[in-house]
C-alpha atoms as a PDB file:
ATOM      1  CA  MET A   1     -10.059 -32.976  -7.964  1.00  0.00           C
ATOM      2  CA  GLY A   2     -13.119 -33.123 -10.163  1.00  0.00           C
ATOM      3  CA  SER A   3     -13.592 -30.026 -11.616  1.00  0.00           C
ATOM      4  CA  PRO A   4     -11.092 -27.051 -13.189  1.00  0.00           C
ATOM      5  CA  GLU A   5     -12.866 -24.686 -10.287  1.00  0.00           C
ATOM      6  CA  ALA A   6     -11.779 -27.602  -7.937  1.00  0.00           C
ATOM      7  CA  ILE A   7      -8.150 -27.565  -9.463  1.00  0.00           C
ATOM      8  CA  PHE A   8      -7.899 -23.805  -9.119  1.00  0.00           C
ATOM      9  CA  ASN A   9      -9.137 -23.833  -5.952  1.00  0.00           C
ATOM     10  CA  ALA A  10      -6.970 -26.202  -4.323  1.00  0.00           C
ATOM     11  CA  SER A  11      -4.258 -25.583  -1.962  1.00  0.00           C
ATOM     12  CA  LEU A  12      -0.646 -25.358  -3.388  1.00  0.00           C
ATOM     13  CA  THR A  13       0.286 -28.605  -1.154  1.00  0.00           C
ATOM     14  CA  GLU A  14      -2.930 -30.241  -2.411  1.00  0.00           C
ATOM     15  CA  LEU A  15      -1.849 -30.079  -6.157  1.00  0.00           C
ATOM     16  CA  GLU A  16       1.577 -31.308  -5.185  1.00  0.00           C
ATOM     17  CA  SER A  17       0.136 -34.154  -3.655  1.00  0.00           C
ATOM     18  CA  HIS A  18      -1.430 -35.186  -6.997  1.00  0.00           C
ATOM     19  CA  ARG A  19       2.571 -35.314  -8.279  1.00  0.00           C
ATOM     20  CA  LEU A  20       2.286 -32.362 -10.144  1.00  0.00           C
ATOM     21  CA  PRO A  21       5.705 -30.940 -10.706  1.00  0.00           C
ATOM     22  CA  ALA A  22       6.038 -28.015  -8.431  1.00  0.00           C
ATOM     23  CA  ALA A  23       6.544 -25.062 -11.090  1.00  0.00           C
ATOM     24  CA  VAL A  24       3.022 -26.512 -12.391  1.00  0.00           C
ATOM     25  CA  ALA A  25       1.361 -26.486  -9.370  1.00  0.00           C
ATOM     26  CA  GLN A  26       3.024 -23.131  -8.537  1.00  0.00           C
ATOM     27  CA  MET A  27       1.375 -21.762 -11.671  1.00  0.00           C
ATOM     28  CA  ILE A  28      -2.146 -23.027 -11.183  1.00  0.00           C
ATOM     29  CA  HIS A  29      -2.399 -21.851  -7.903  1.00  0.00           C
ATOM     30  CA  THR A  30      -1.593 -18.334  -8.862  1.00  0.00           C
ATOM     31  CA  ARG A  31      -4.185 -18.308 -11.439  1.00  0.00           C
ATOM     32  CA  GLN A  32      -1.950 -17.393 -13.994  1.00  0.00           C
ATOM     33  CA  PRO A  33      -3.572 -19.438 -16.562  1.00  0.00           C
ATOM     34  CA  MET A  34      -7.143 -18.383 -15.679  1.00  0.00           C
ATOM     35  CA  SER A  35      -6.223 -14.614 -16.145  1.00  0.00           C
ATOM     36  CA  ALA A  36      -4.342 -15.151 -19.245  1.00  0.00           C
ATOM     37  CA  ALA A  37      -7.758 -17.000 -20.584  1.00  0.00           C
ATOM     38  CA  ALA A  38     -10.174 -14.286 -19.724  1.00  0.00           C
ATOM     39  CA  LYS A  39      -7.678 -11.672 -21.576  1.00  0.00           C
ATOM     40  CA  GLU A  40      -7.676 -14.006 -24.684  1.00  0.00           C
ATOM     41  CA  LEU A  41     -11.473 -14.704 -24.407  1.00  0.00           C
ATOM     42  CA  ALA A  42     -12.074 -10.588 -23.852  1.00  0.00           C
ATOM     43  CA  GLN A  43      -9.987 -10.185 -26.890  1.00  0.00           C
ATOM     44  CA  ALA A  44     -11.815 -12.535 -29.050  1.00  0.00           C
ATOM     45  CA  GLN A  45     -15.349 -11.211 -28.059  1.00  0.00           C
ATOM     46  CA  ALA A  46     -14.083  -7.485 -28.783  1.00  0.00           C
ATOM     47  CA  ALA A  47     -13.253  -8.651 -32.409  1.00  0.00           C
ATOM     48  CA  GLY A  48     -16.490 -10.550 -32.812  1.00  0.00           C
ATOM     49  CA  ILE A  49     -14.887 -14.032 -32.582  1.00  0.00           C
ATOM     50  CA  ARG A  50     -17.114 -16.482 -30.860  1.00  0.00           C
ATOM     51  CA  LEU A  51     -15.193 -19.568 -29.225  1.00  0.00           C
ATOM     52  CA  LEU A  52     -17.155 -22.947 -30.098  1.00  0.00           C
ATOM     53  CA  THR A  53     -16.152 -26.172 -28.136  1.00  0.00           C
ATOM     54  CA  TRP A  54     -16.968 -29.548 -29.262  1.00  0.00           C
ATOM     55  CA  ASP A  55     -19.762 -30.377 -26.962  1.00  0.00           C
ATOM     56  CA  GLU A  56     -21.978 -27.599 -28.828  1.00  0.00           C
ATOM     57  CA  PRO A  57     -24.454 -28.692 -31.482  1.00  0.00           C
ATOM     58  CA  GLN A  58     -22.807 -26.117 -34.140  1.00  0.00           C
ATOM     59  CA  TYR A  59     -19.165 -27.773 -33.845  1.00  0.00           C
ATOM     60  CA  PRO A  60     -18.555 -29.230 -37.230  1.00  0.00           C
ATOM     61  CA  GLN A  61     -19.744 -32.719 -37.677  1.00  0.00           C
ATOM     62  CA  ARG A  62     -16.765 -33.758 -40.030  1.00  0.00           C
ATOM     63  CA  LEU A  63     -14.363 -32.628 -37.380  1.00  0.00           C
ATOM     64  CA  ARG A  64     -16.045 -34.781 -34.737  1.00  0.00           C
ATOM     65  CA  GLU A  65     -15.314 -37.997 -36.844  1.00  0.00           C
ATOM     66  CA  ILE A  66     -11.463 -37.500 -36.887  1.00  0.00           C
ATOM     67  CA  CYS A  67      -8.936 -39.149 -34.583  1.00  0.00           C
ATOM     68  CA  ASP A  68      -8.091 -35.673 -32.673  1.00  0.00           C
ATOM     69  CA  PRO A  69     -10.510 -32.904 -33.269  1.00  0.00           C
ATOM     70  CA  PRO A  70      -9.564 -29.615 -31.730  1.00  0.00           C
ATOM     71  CA  PRO A  71     -11.502 -29.109 -28.777  1.00  0.00           C
ATOM     72  CA  LEU A  72     -11.995 -25.291 -29.339  1.00  0.00           C
ATOM     73  CA  LEU A  73     -12.817 -23.333 -32.576  1.00  0.00           C
ATOM     74  CA  TYR A  74     -12.499 -19.495 -33.142  1.00  0.00           C
ATOM     75  CA  VAL A  75     -15.367 -18.832 -35.474  1.00  0.00           C
ATOM     76  CA  LEU A  76     -15.798 -15.499 -37.040  1.00  0.00           C
ATOM     77  CA  GLY A  77     -18.912 -15.152 -39.367  1.00  0.00           C
ATOM     78  CA  ASN A  78     -21.638 -17.148 -39.983  1.00  0.00           C
ATOM     79  CA  ILE A  79     -21.254 -20.602 -37.817  1.00  0.00           C
ATOM     80  CA  GLU A  80     -24.019 -22.254 -39.391  1.00  0.00           C
ATOM     81  CA  LEU A  81     -21.867 -22.738 -42.630  1.00  0.00           C
ATOM     82  CA  LEU A  82     -19.689 -25.093 -40.644  1.00  0.00           C
ATOM     83  CA  ASN A  83     -21.948 -27.801 -41.053  1.00  0.00           C
ATOM     84  CA  ARG A  84     -23.144 -27.104 -44.697  1.00  0.00           C
ATOM     85  CA  PRO A  85     -22.140 -30.337 -46.844  1.00  0.00           C
ATOM     86  CA  ASP A  86     -20.220 -28.722 -49.398  1.00  0.00           C
ATOM     87  CA  PHE A  87     -18.090 -26.356 -46.795  1.00  0.00           C
ATOM     88  CA  HIS A  88     -15.373 -28.654 -46.148  1.00  0.00           C
ATOM     89  CA  ARG A  89     -14.675 -29.283 -49.864  1.00  0.00           C
ATOM     90  CA  ARG A  90     -14.798 -25.749 -50.614  1.00  0.00           C
ATOM     91  CA  LEU A  91     -12.283 -25.136 -47.798  1.00  0.00           C
ATOM     92  CA  ALA A  92      -9.586 -26.985 -48.749  1.00  0.00           C
ATOM     93  CA  SER A  93      -9.599 -26.294 -52.398  1.00  0.00           C
ATOM     94  CA  SER A  94     -10.069 -22.166 -51.741  1.00  0.00           C
ATOM     95  CA  TYR A  95      -8.183 -22.056 -48.695  1.00  0.00           C
ATOM     96  CA  PRO A  96      -4.765 -20.420 -48.743  1.00  0.00           C
ATOM     97  CA  VAL A  97      -1.869 -23.020 -47.474  1.00  0.00           C
ATOM     98  CA  ARG A  98       0.940 -22.092 -45.539  1.00  0.00           C
ATOM     99  CA  GLU A  99       4.018 -23.835 -46.850  1.00  0.00           C
ATOM    100  CA  SER A 100       6.860 -24.885 -44.529  1.00  0.00           C
ATOM    101  CA  ASN A 101       8.964 -21.876 -45.626  1.00  0.00           C
ATOM    102  CA  GLY A 102       6.324 -19.579 -44.328  1.00  0.00           C
ATOM    103  CA  ARG A 103       4.888 -18.494 -47.460  1.00  0.00           C
ATOM    104  CA  GLU A 104       0.772 -18.680 -48.253  1.00  0.00           C
ATOM    105  CA  THR A 105      -0.272 -20.472 -51.369  1.00  0.00           C
ATOM    106  CA  GLY A 106      -3.630 -20.747 -52.793  1.00  0.00           C
ATOM    107  CA  PRO A 107      -5.665 -18.640 -55.095  1.00  0.00           C
ATOM    108  CA  GLY A 108      -4.639 -14.918 -54.693  1.00  0.00           C
ATOM    109  CA  PHE A 109      -1.144 -15.732 -53.267  1.00  0.00           C
ATOM    110  CA  SER A 110       1.916 -16.218 -55.545  1.00  0.00           C
END
């Protein structure tokens, strides 16, 4: 179908002809995903959060090097810090970690 726009502009019959399950084709055809994405984007922007995709130059180089990098980052604060050489080392040593039981651990957490 080419582009995301082409997918969302396709008829229900055309979507189903690409072997999509009927429920998925119907959801795409109703544009539910687009309205949900627009709402989430508006909420992030209202909170001062920037969405950063992996094709932008500010995307952290170290994340680009992992096997399955996240395609989208929610960034609050100074985006330039993401590519500082010491950022990832500091993040790993000071960021709270959520344990499997749901408790956060790290400096300031007990």
